[in-house]
C-alpha atoms as a PDB file:
ATOM      1  CA  MET A   1       0.000   0.000   0.000  1.00  0.00           C
ATOM      2  CA  ASN A   2       1.160   3.550  -0.625  1.00  0.00           C
ATOM      3  CA  GLU A   3       3.114   4.652   2.482  1.00  0.00           C
ATOM      4  CA  THR A   4       2.511   8.390   2.005  1.00  0.00           C
ATOM      5  CA  MET A   5      -1.278   8.311   2.029  1.00  0.00           C
ATOM      6  CA  GLU A   6      -3.412   9.507   4.910  1.00  0.00           C
ATOM      7  CA  ALA A   7      -5.265   6.901   6.954  1.00  0.00           C
ATOM      8  CA  GLY A   8      -8.435   5.829   5.160  1.00  0.00           C
ATOM      9  CA  ALA A   9      -7.776   7.922   2.051  1.00  0.00           C
ATOM     10  CA  PRO A  10      -7.220   6.174  -1.276  1.00  0.00           C
ATOM     11  CA  PRO A  11      -3.826   6.711  -2.905  1.00  0.00           C
ATOM     12  CA  ALA A  12      -3.651   9.270  -5.688  1.00  0.00           C
ATOM     13  CA  SER A  13      -2.753   6.586  -8.200  1.00  0.00           C
ATOM     14  CA  PHE A  14      -1.626   3.006  -8.675  1.00  0.00           C
ATOM     15  CA  SER A  15       1.082   1.756 -10.993  1.00  0.00           C
ATOM     16  CA  HIS A  16      -0.190  -0.209 -13.965  1.00  0.00           C
ATOM     17  CA  ALA A  17       1.375  -3.434 -12.659  1.00  0.00           C
ATOM     18  CA  SER A  18      -0.028  -3.042  -9.137  1.00  0.00           C
ATOM     19  CA  MET A  19      -3.469  -2.218 -10.524  1.00  0.00           C
ATOM     20  CA  LEU A  20      -3.502  -5.379 -12.665  1.00  0.00           C
ATOM     21  CA  ASP A  21      -2.245  -7.453  -9.705  1.00  0.00           C
ATOM     22  CA  ILE A  22      -5.090  -6.195  -7.527  1.00  0.00           C
ATOM     23  CA  LEU A  23      -7.697  -6.683 -10.256  1.00  0.00           C
ATOM     24  CA  ALA A  24      -6.543 -10.244 -11.000  1.00  0.00           C
ATOM     25  CA  ARG A  25      -7.105 -11.189  -7.341  1.00  0.00           C
ATOM     26  CA  ALA A  26     -10.245  -9.076  -6.920  1.00  0.00           C
ATOM     27  CA  ASP A  27     -13.625 -10.479  -6.003  1.00  0.00           C
ATOM     28  CA  ALA A  28     -15.221 -11.461  -9.327  1.00  0.00           C
ATOM     29  CA  LYS A  29     -18.645 -10.000  -8.502  1.00  0.00           C
ATOM     30  CA  GLY A  30     -17.159  -6.712  -7.331  1.00  0.00           C
ATOM     31  CA  ILE A  31     -14.922  -6.205 -10.343  1.00  0.00           C
ATOM     32  CA  LYS A  32     -17.754  -7.071 -12.748  1.00  0.00           C
ATOM     33  CA  ALA A  33     -20.022  -4.513 -11.045  1.00  0.00           C
ATOM     34  CA  VAL A  34     -17.375  -1.780 -11.375  1.00  0.00           C
ATOM     35  CA  ALA A  35     -16.837  -2.616 -15.061  1.00  0.00           C
ATOM     36  CA  GLU A  36     -20.589  -2.655 -15.708  1.00  0.00           C
ATOM     37  CA  ASP A  37     -20.880   0.857 -14.242  1.00  0.00           C
ATOM     38  CA  LEU A  38     -18.129   2.095 -16.593  1.00  0.00           C
ATOM     39  CA  LEU A  39     -19.502   0.638 -19.848  1.00  0.00           C
ATOM     40  CA  ASP A  40     -21.955   3.474 -20.551  1.00  0.00           C
ATOM     41  CA  GLU A  41     -19.146   6.059 -20.400  1.00  0.00           C
ATOM     42  CA  LEU A  42     -16.713   4.204 -22.682  1.00  0.00           C
ATOM     43  CA  GLY A  43     -18.299   4.568 -26.097  1.00  0.00           C
ATOM     44  CA  PRO A  44     -17.469   1.890 -28.667  1.00  0.00           C
ATOM     45  CA  VAL A  45     -15.382  -1.044 -27.424  1.00  0.00           C
ATOM     46  CA  GLU A  46     -13.354  -3.127 -29.844  1.00  0.00           C
ATOM     47  CA  VAL A  47     -12.579  -6.627 -28.529  1.00  0.00           C
ATOM     48  CA  LEU A  48      -9.146  -7.729 -29.737  1.00  0.00           C
ATOM     49  CA  VAL A  49      -8.789 -10.926 -27.656  1.00  0.00           C
ATOM     50  CA  ASN A  50     -11.274 -12.868 -25.543  1.00  0.00           C
ATOM     51  CA  ARG A  51     -10.072 -16.425 -24.935  1.00  0.00           C
ATOM     52  CA  THR A  52      -9.032 -19.133 -22.545  1.00  0.00           C
ATOM     53  CA  GLY A  53      -5.904 -21.206 -22.888  1.00  0.00           C
ATOM     54  CA  LEU A  54      -2.950 -22.726 -21.135  1.00  0.00           C
ATOM     55  CA  ALA A  55       0.053 -20.658 -20.101  1.00  0.00           C
ATOM     56  CA  MET A  56       3.348 -21.718 -18.594  1.00  0.00           C
ATOM     57  CA  LEU A  57       3.626 -20.808 -14.903  1.00  0.00           C
ATOM     58  CA  PRO A  58       7.102 -19.408 -14.154  1.00  0.00           C
ATOM     59  CA  TYR A  59       8.637 -19.857 -10.728  1.00  0.00           C
ATOM     60  CA  ILE A  60      11.972 -18.982  -9.103  1.00  0.00           C
ATOM     61  CA  ASP A  61      14.165 -21.656  -7.541  1.00  0.00           C
ATOM     62  CA  THR A  62      15.161 -19.918  -4.307  1.00  0.00           C
ATOM     63  CA  VAL A  63      18.315 -22.008  -3.851  1.00  0.00           C
ATOM     64  CA  GLN A  64      19.893 -21.334  -7.243  1.00  0.00           C
ATOM     65  CA  ASN A  65      17.869 -18.159  -7.930  1.00  0.00           C
ATOM     66  CA  THR A  66      16.947 -19.387 -11.415  1.00  0.00           C
ATOM     67  CA  ALA A  67      13.615 -19.287 -13.190  1.00  0.00           C
ATOM     68  CA  PHE A  68      11.886 -22.470 -14.314  1.00  0.00           C
ATOM     69  CA  HIS A  69       8.393 -23.465 -15.450  1.00  0.00           C
ATOM     70  CA  LEU A  70       6.396 -25.087 -12.673  1.00  0.00           C
ATOM     71  CA  GLY A  71       3.715 -26.297 -15.084  1.00  0.00           C
ATOM     72  CA  GLU A  72       0.760 -25.115 -17.110  1.00  0.00           C
ATOM     73  CA  VAL A  73      -2.184 -23.153 -15.780  1.00  0.00           C
ATOM     74  CA  LEU A  74      -5.568 -22.408 -17.375  1.00  0.00           C
ATOM     75  CA  MET A  75      -5.963 -18.673 -18.052  1.00  0.00           C
ATOM     76  CA  ALA A  76      -8.751 -16.395 -19.260  1.00  0.00           C
ATOM     77  CA  GLU A  77      -7.476 -13.399 -21.224  1.00  0.00           C
ATOM     78  CA  ALA A  78      -9.113 -10.261 -22.640  1.00  0.00           C
ATOM     79  CA  HIS A  79      -7.663  -7.348 -24.627  1.00  0.00           C
ATOM     80  CA  ILE A  80      -9.818  -4.409 -25.736  1.00  0.00           C
ATOM     81  CA  ARG A  81      -9.408  -1.068 -27.488  1.00  0.00           C
ATOM     82  CA  LEU A  82     -11.418   2.119 -27.007  1.00  0.00           C
ATOM     83  CA  PRO A  83     -11.086   3.744 -30.445  1.00  0.00           C
ATOM     84  CA  ASP A  84     -12.650   7.062 -29.357  1.00  0.00           C
ATOM     85  CA  GLN A  85     -10.085   7.489 -26.548  1.00  0.00           C
ATOM     86  CA  GLY A  86      -7.178   5.774 -28.307  1.00  0.00           C
ATOM     87  CA  VAL A  87      -6.446   3.493 -25.335  1.00  0.00           C
ATOM     88  CA  GLU A  88      -6.292  -0.244 -24.772  1.00  0.00           C
ATOM     89  CA  GLY A  89      -7.051  -2.429 -21.765  1.00  0.00           C
ATOM     90  CA  TYR A  90      -5.845  -5.870 -20.768  1.00  0.00           C
ATOM     91  CA  GLY A  91      -6.944  -8.499 -18.294  1.00  0.00           C
ATOM     92  CA  ALA A  92      -5.860 -12.045 -17.464  1.00  0.00           C
ATOM     93  CA  VAL A  93      -6.932 -14.294 -14.615  1.00  0.00           C
ATOM     94  CA  ILE A  94      -6.251 -17.856 -13.587  1.00  0.00           C
ATOM     95  CA  GLY A  95      -9.186 -20.056 -14.521  1.00  0.00           C
ATOM     96  CA  ARG A  96     -11.836 -19.777 -17.184  1.00  0.00           C
ATOM     97  CA  ASP A  97     -13.777 -16.691 -16.044  1.00  0.00           C
ATOM     98  CA  LEU A  98     -13.775 -14.653 -19.269  1.00  0.00           C
ATOM     99  CA  GLU A  99     -16.110 -12.068 -17.730  1.00  0.00           C
ATOM    100  CA  HIS A 100     -13.584 -11.386 -14.962  1.00  0.00           C
ATOM    101  CA  ALA A 101     -10.788 -10.966 -17.534  1.00  0.00           C
ATOM    102  CA  MET A 102     -13.009  -8.698 -19.646  1.00  0.00           C
ATOM    103  CA  ALA A 103     -13.946  -6.640 -16.564  1.00  0.00           C
ATOM    104  CA  MET A 104     -10.232  -6.205 -15.860  1.00  0.00           C
ATOM    105  CA  ALA A 105      -9.660  -5.015 -19.429  1.00  0.00           C
ATOM    106  CA  VAL A 106     -12.562  -2.542 -19.189  1.00  0.00           C
ATOM    107  CA  ILE A 107     -11.240  -1.109 -15.914  1.00  0.00           C
ATOM    108  CA  ASP A 108      -7.677  -0.974 -17.276  1.00  0.00           C
ATOM    109  CA  ALA A 109      -8.789   0.910 -20.394  1.00  0.00           C
ATOM    110  CA  SER A 110     -11.024   3.226 -18.350  1.00  0.00           C
ATOM    111  CA  PHE A 111      -8.209   4.016 -15.927  1.00  0.00           C
ATOM    112  CA  THR A 112      -5.786   4.725 -18.780  1.00  0.00           C
ATOM    113  CA  GLY A 113      -8.401   6.867 -20.554  1.00  0.00           C
ATOM    114  CA  ASP A 114      -9.182   8.757 -17.309  1.00  0.00           C
ATOM    115  CA  ILE A 115     -12.809   7.560 -17.315  1.00  0.00           C
ATOM    116  CA  GLY A 116     -14.339   6.987 -13.869  1.00  0.00           C
ATOM    117  CA  LYS A 117     -10.884   7.113 -12.309  1.00  0.00           C
ATOM    118  CA  THR A 118     -12.052   8.214  -8.844  1.00  0.00           C
ATOM    119  CA  GLY A 119     -14.362   5.217  -8.491  1.00  0.00           C
ATOM    120  CA  ILE A 120     -11.682   2.880  -9.810  1.00  0.00           C
ATOM    121  CA  VAL A 121      -9.085   4.183  -7.341  1.00  0.00           C
ATOM    122  CA  THR A 122     -11.567   3.773  -4.468  1.00  0.00           C
ATOM    123  CA  PHE A 123     -12.325   0.194  -5.580  1.00  0.00           C
ATOM    124  CA  LEU A 124      -8.603  -0.587  -5.905  1.00  0.00           C
ATOM    125  CA  ALA A 125      -7.809   0.830  -2.443  1.00  0.00           C
ATOM    126  CA  ASN A 126     -10.627  -1.179  -0.838  1.00  0.00           C
ATOM    127  CA  GLU A 127      -9.620  -4.337  -2.718  1.00  0.00           C
ATOM    128  CA  GLU A 128      -5.957  -3.876  -1.825  1.00  0.00           C
ATOM    129  CA  ARG A 129      -6.919  -3.557   1.847  1.00  0.00           C
ATOM    130  CA  ARG A 130      -9.135  -6.672   1.703  1.00  0.00           C
ATOM    131  CA  GLN A 131      -6.430  -8.691  -0.049  1.00  0.00           C
ATOM    132  CA  ALA A 132      -3.836  -7.646   2.548  1.00  0.00           C
ATOM    133  CA  GLN A 133      -6.185  -8.799   5.326  1.00  0.00           C
ATOM    134  CA  ASP A 134      -6.790 -12.125   3.547  1.00  0.00           C
ATOM    135  CA  ASP A 135      -3.023 -12.591   3.074  1.00  0.00           C
ATOM    136  CA  ASP A 136      -2.405 -11.826   6.748  1.00  0.00           C
ATOM    137  CA  ILE A 137      -5.005 -14.399   7.845  1.00  0.00           C
ATOM    138  CA  ARG A 138      -3.543 -17.013   5.487  1.00  0.00           C
ATOM    139  CA  LEU A 139       0.013 -16.372   6.714  1.00  0.00           C
ATOM    140  CA  ARG A 140      -1.111 -16.628  10.343  1.00  0.00           C
ATOM    141  CA  LYS A 141      -2.712 -20.000   9.597  1.00  0.00           C
ATOM    142  CA  VAL A 142       0.490 -21.214   7.922  1.00  0.00           C
ATOM    143  CA  GLU A 143       2.607 -19.940  10.813  1.00  0.00           C
ATOM    144  CA  ALA A 144       0.359 -21.796  13.273  1.00  0.00           C
ATOM    145  CA  THR A 145       1.315 -25.089  11.587  1.00  0.00           C
ATOM    146  CA  ARG A 146       5.075 -24.436  11.702  1.00  0.00           C
ATOM    147  CA  VAL A 147       7.027 -26.998  13.692  1.00  0.00           C
ATOM    148  CA  ARG A 148      10.061 -25.674  15.560  1.00  0.00           C
ATOM    149  CA  MET A 149      12.756 -28.226  16.289  1.00  0.00           C
ATOM    150  CA  GLU A 150      15.929 -27.866  18.207  1.00  0.00           C
ATOM    151  CA  THR A 151      19.073 -29.134  16.605  1.00  0.00           C
ATOM    152  CA  PHE A 152      22.084 -30.344  18.521  1.00  0.00           C
END
């Protein structure tokens, strides 16, 4: 989360990468509702890609610090263009939820085109906070299962 923001206030902006990270992990119903609210303001939408497929999942070997492919994962991907604004949007999520990927693309294009940006930033800040809480709960559960052994 942005360290310079006031308590409770959304950050002024998100980087493109952090925005896509948040949207990919966002609640599907919530992200679809935000995208639906933006559609009327967008004008024509040109769909460039809307598909599912397999993608290689990269991972880092922490011992040798080298990248390798862990395996394949099913992905849903969407890529759109807003010809009136001259911007594009992209979305990709694990699984086969094409609507989630398309909602990501709509929000990405809207954010880039400065359409409904205040609502998007508020959604992103709330989602980022929820995801951090979920991560904290998950890490606490993992830590609770850790076995500590003494070595001689």
